[in-house]
Amino acid sequence: MTVGNTSESRFSTSQQRVLTRRTAGAHVRPRSTRQQVTRAADGLAVRVTVRGPMLLRWSVGLVFLWFGILKLFPSTSPAEGVAVRAVSKMTLGLLPKDAIVPLLALMETAIGIGLVTGLLLRLTLVVFFGHMVGVFFALFLLADEMWQGGFLIPTMEGQYIIKNVVLIVACLLIAADEWNRSAAFRMHGRQEPMGPQ
């Protein structure tokens, strides 16, 4: 009778592999707290980089959805007065003032829904950028309300509009991500999937 190595015969092949890995790492110095934090931060940075466009899309979408819904209720949005006066000037008074706020509310709510869900995203982005053009026109159409002492010192209303630059840059990144995703599918000759990604 041949007597084998009893210590190895008690374990299956897969268990022996695990034991080998654990034994090999038994003498490795444990990572310091700083190394662990760095590794965790690196992992988080990778996740944010991958999911960044989606996070931007959700955050901008929620802001638009929130502000759009506010405009559905009279006197709840502080931007109502400026919006009515600006749109009235842009349309040369052809659009009834009573219709301006509800139309803006519906447009901003639709933009918010499109960004949050990712449905009809390209159309949503076109509407968004068109809306931003109109918003920034207010800086010139209502110059007396937007600036104090020249074009370098904005009023509170002017600051409210200028801050939209951040939303524009965010949506430019969202649009670039959408375009790159479409380009990747075209390069590989595959049909682009419908719906949010």
Protein backbone atom coordinates (compact mmCIF):
# COMPACT_ATOMS: atom_id res chain seq x y z
CA MET A 1 0.00 0.00 0.00
CA THR A 2 1.34 3.43 -0.94
CA VAL A 3 0.95 6.12 1.60
CA GLY A 4 0.49 9.61 0.04
CA ASN A 5 0.89 13.03 1.52
CA THR A 6 -2.01 13.07 3.99
CA SER A 7 -1.90 16.86 4.45
CA GLU A 8 -2.53 17.43 0.71
CA SER A 9 -4.95 14.53 0.15
CA ARG A 10 -7.49 16.05 2.54
CA PHE A 11 -8.16 19.01 0.20
CA SER A 12 -9.58 19.24 -3.28
CA THR A 13 -7.61 20.89 -6.07
CA SER A 14 -9.54 24.17 -5.82
CA GLN A 15 -9.08 24.27 -2.05
CA GLN A 16 -5.34 23.69 -2.47
CA ARG A 17 -5.15 26.67 -4.84
CA VAL A 18 -6.85 28.91 -2.26
CA LEU A 19 -4.52 27.66 0.48
CA THR A 20 -1.51 28.29 -1.75
CA ARG A 21 -2.58 31.87 -2.43
CA ARG A 22 -3.25 32.52 1.26
CA THR A 23 0.08 31.00 2.28
CA ALA A 24 1.93 32.98 -0.37
CA GLY A 25 0.42 36.22 0.91
CA ALA A 26 0.89 35.41 4.57
CA HIS A 27 4.27 37.10 4.73
CA VAL A 28 3.29 40.18 2.70
CA ARG A 29 3.19 43.32 4.80
CA PRO A 30 -0.38 44.60 5.25
CA ARG A 31 -1.20 47.82 3.45
CA SER A 32 -0.90 50.97 5.50
CA THR A 33 -3.96 53.11 6.15
CA ARG A 34 -2.67 55.65 3.63
CA GLN A 35 -2.34 52.99 0.94
CA GLN A 36 -5.83 51.72 1.66
CA VAL A 37 -7.26 55.24 1.43
CA THR A 38 -5.37 55.87 -1.81
CA ARG A 39 -6.63 52.64 -3.30
CA ALA A 40 -10.21 53.44 -2.28
CA ALA A 41 -9.89 56.95 -3.74
CA ASP A 42 -8.50 55.53 -6.99
CA GLY A 43 -11.43 53.14 -7.24
CA LEU A 44 -13.91 55.93 -6.57
CA ALA A 45 -12.25 58.15 -9.20
CA VAL A 46 -12.59 55.41 -11.80
CA ARG A 47 -16.27 54.88 -10.99
CA VAL A 48 -17.01 58.62 -11.12
CA THR A 49 -15.14 58.93 -14.44
CA VAL A 50 -17.18 56.11 -15.95
CA ARG A 51 -20.50 57.30 -14.49
CA GLY A 52 -19.78 61.04 -14.65
CA PRO A 53 -21.94 61.87 -17.69
CA MET A 54 -24.87 59.96 -16.22
CA LEU A 55 -24.49 61.76 -12.87
CA LEU A 56 -24.38 65.11 -14.67
CA ARG A 57 -27.45 64.18 -16.69
CA TRP A 58 -29.39 63.25 -13.55
CA SER A 59 -28.34 66.32 -11.58
CA VAL A 60 -29.11 68.85 -14.34
CA GLY A 61 -32.34 66.99 -15.10
CA LEU A 62 -33.49 67.15 -11.49
CA VAL A 63 -32.77 70.89 -11.32
CA PHE A 64 -34.82 71.52 -14.46
CA LEU A 65 -37.60 69.25 -13.30
CA TRP A 66 -37.74 71.01 -9.93
CA PHE A 67 -37.71 74.55 -11.35
CA GLY A 68 -40.12 73.63 -14.14
CA ILE A 69 -42.67 72.22 -11.70
CA LEU A 70 -42.35 75.37 -9.55
CA LYS A 71 -43.39 77.48 -12.54
CA LEU A 72 -46.61 75.48 -12.84
CA PHE A 73 -47.77 77.11 -9.61
CA PRO A 74 -48.24 80.90 -9.75
CA SER A 75 -45.85 83.08 -7.72
CA THR A 76 -43.70 80.17 -6.51
CA SER A 77 -40.75 80.82 -8.83
CA PRO A 78 -38.63 83.94 -8.20
CA ALA A 79 -37.66 84.00 -11.90
CA GLU A 80 -41.21 84.47 -13.16
CA GLY A 81 -41.07 88.25 -13.58
CA VAL A 82 -37.75 88.27 -15.43
CA ALA A 83 -38.84 85.36 -17.64
CA VAL A 84 -42.11 87.06 -18.62
CA ARG A 85 -40.44 90.37 -19.46
CA ALA A 86 -37.61 88.74 -21.42
CA VAL A 87 -39.85 86.42 -23.47
CA SER A 88 -42.30 89.23 -24.10
CA LYS A 89 -39.48 91.32 -25.60
CA MET A 90 -38.10 88.40 -27.62
CA THR A 91 -41.51 87.70 -29.14
CA LEU A 92 -42.23 91.42 -29.62
CA GLY A 93 -45.27 91.09 -27.39
CA LEU A 94 -46.96 88.59 -29.71
CA LEU A 95 -47.10 85.89 -27.05
CA PRO A 96 -49.69 86.59 -24.32
CA LYS A 97 -48.04 87.18 -20.96
CA ASP A 98 -50.41 84.75 -19.27
CA ALA A 99 -49.11 81.96 -21.53
CA ILE A 100 -45.39 82.58 -21.08
CA VAL A 101 -44.86 81.04 -17.64
CA PRO A 102 -46.95 77.88 -18.32
CA LEU A 103 -45.07 77.33 -21.60
CA LEU A 104 -41.70 77.78 -19.88
CA ALA A 105 -42.84 75.42 -17.13
CA LEU A 106 -43.77 72.72 -19.63
CA MET A 107 -40.52 73.15 -21.55
CA GLU A 108 -38.30 73.00 -18.47
CA THR A 109 -40.24 70.05 -17.06
CA ALA A 110 -39.87 68.22 -20.38
CA ILE A 111 -36.13 68.95 -20.42
CA GLY A 112 -35.86 67.63 -16.87
CA ILE A 113 -37.73 64.42 -17.69
CA GLY A 114 -35.64 63.87 -20.82
CA LEU A 115 -32.36 64.30 -18.96
CA VAL A 116 -33.32 62.19 -15.96
CA THR A 117 -34.68 59.28 -18.02
CA GLY A 118 -32.36 59.58 -21.01
CA LEU A 119 -35.32 59.15 -23.36
CA LEU A 120 -35.16 61.28 -26.53
CA LEU A 121 -31.88 62.61 -25.15
CA ARG A 122 -30.67 64.26 -28.35
CA LEU A 123 -33.93 66.12 -28.83
CA THR A 124 -33.85 67.10 -25.15
CA LEU A 125 -30.35 68.53 -25.55
CA VAL A 126 -31.37 70.54 -28.62
CA VAL A 127 -34.29 72.04 -26.68
CA PHE A 128 -32.02 72.70 -23.71
CA PHE A 129 -29.43 74.63 -25.73
CA GLY A 130 -32.17 76.58 -27.50
CA HIS A 131 -33.63 77.47 -24.12
CA MET A 132 -30.22 78.63 -22.88
CA VAL A 133 -29.85 80.95 -25.88
CA GLY A 134 -33.12 82.60 -24.89
CA VAL A 135 -32.07 82.78 -21.24
CA PHE A 136 -28.82 84.59 -22.05
CA PHE A 137 -30.59 87.00 -24.38
CA ALA A 138 -32.18 88.42 -21.23
CA LEU A 139 -28.76 89.82 -20.24
CA PHE A 140 -29.03 92.21 -23.19
CA LEU A 141 -32.78 92.65 -23.56
CA LEU A 142 -33.16 93.56 -19.89
CA ALA A 143 -29.76 95.19 -19.44
CA ASP A 144 -31.07 97.69 -16.88
CA GLU A 145 -32.21 94.83 -14.64
CA MET A 146 -29.20 92.58 -15.22
CA TRP A 147 -26.28 94.96 -14.68
CA GLN A 148 -25.36 97.73 -12.31
CA GLY A 149 -22.74 100.30 -13.29
CA GLY A 150 -21.74 98.54 -16.50
CA PHE A 151 -21.42 95.03 -17.89
CA LEU A 152 -18.97 93.74 -15.29
CA ILE A 153 -21.17 94.01 -12.20
CA PRO A 154 -24.31 91.86 -12.49
CA THR A 155 -27.35 92.34 -10.31
CA MET A 156 -28.85 89.42 -8.42
CA GLU A 157 -31.00 88.62 -11.47
CA GLY A 158 -27.92 88.80 -13.69
CA GLN A 159 -26.01 86.43 -11.44
CA TYR A 160 -28.98 84.06 -11.54
CA ILE A 161 -28.66 83.87 -15.33
CA ILE A 162 -24.86 83.84 -15.58
CA LYS A 163 -24.67 80.77 -13.31
CA ASN A 164 -26.36 78.83 -16.10
CA VAL A 165 -22.90 78.64 -17.72
CA VAL A 166 -22.28 75.67 -15.41
CA LEU A 167 -25.39 73.89 -16.73
CA ILE A 168 -24.33 74.59 -20.32
CA VAL A 169 -20.89 73.05 -19.78
CA ALA A 170 -22.48 70.05 -18.04
CA CYS A 171 -24.81 69.46 -20.99
CA LEU A 172 -21.93 69.88 -23.45
CA LEU A 173 -20.22 66.97 -21.67
CA ILE A 174 -23.46 64.98 -21.76
CA ALA A 175 -23.81 65.70 -25.49
CA ALA A 176 -20.18 64.71 -26.14
CA ASP A 177 -20.67 61.44 -24.27
CA GLU A 178 -23.81 60.70 -26.27
CA TRP A 179 -22.01 61.48 -29.54
CA ASN A 180 -18.98 59.34 -28.62
CA ARG A 181 -21.24 56.44 -27.67
CA SER A 182 -23.00 56.67 -31.03
CA ALA A 183 -19.66 56.93 -32.85
CA ALA A 184 -18.42 53.77 -31.11
CA PHE A 185 -21.42 51.82 -32.37
CA ARG A 186 -20.97 53.19 -35.89
CA MET A 187 -17.28 52.24 -35.94
CA HIS A 188 -18.11 48.65 -35.00
CA GLY A 189 -21.02 48.46 -37.43
CA ARG A 190 -23.51 47.69 -34.68
CA GLN A 191 -27.05 48.96 -34.21
CA GLU A 192 -27.21 51.54 -31.49
CA PRO A 193 -29.55 50.45 -28.68
CA MET A 194 -32.61 52.55 -28.00
CA GLY A 195 -33.31 54.12 -24.63
CA PRO A 196 -31.11 55.32 -21.77
CA GLN A 197 -27.70 53.80 -21.18
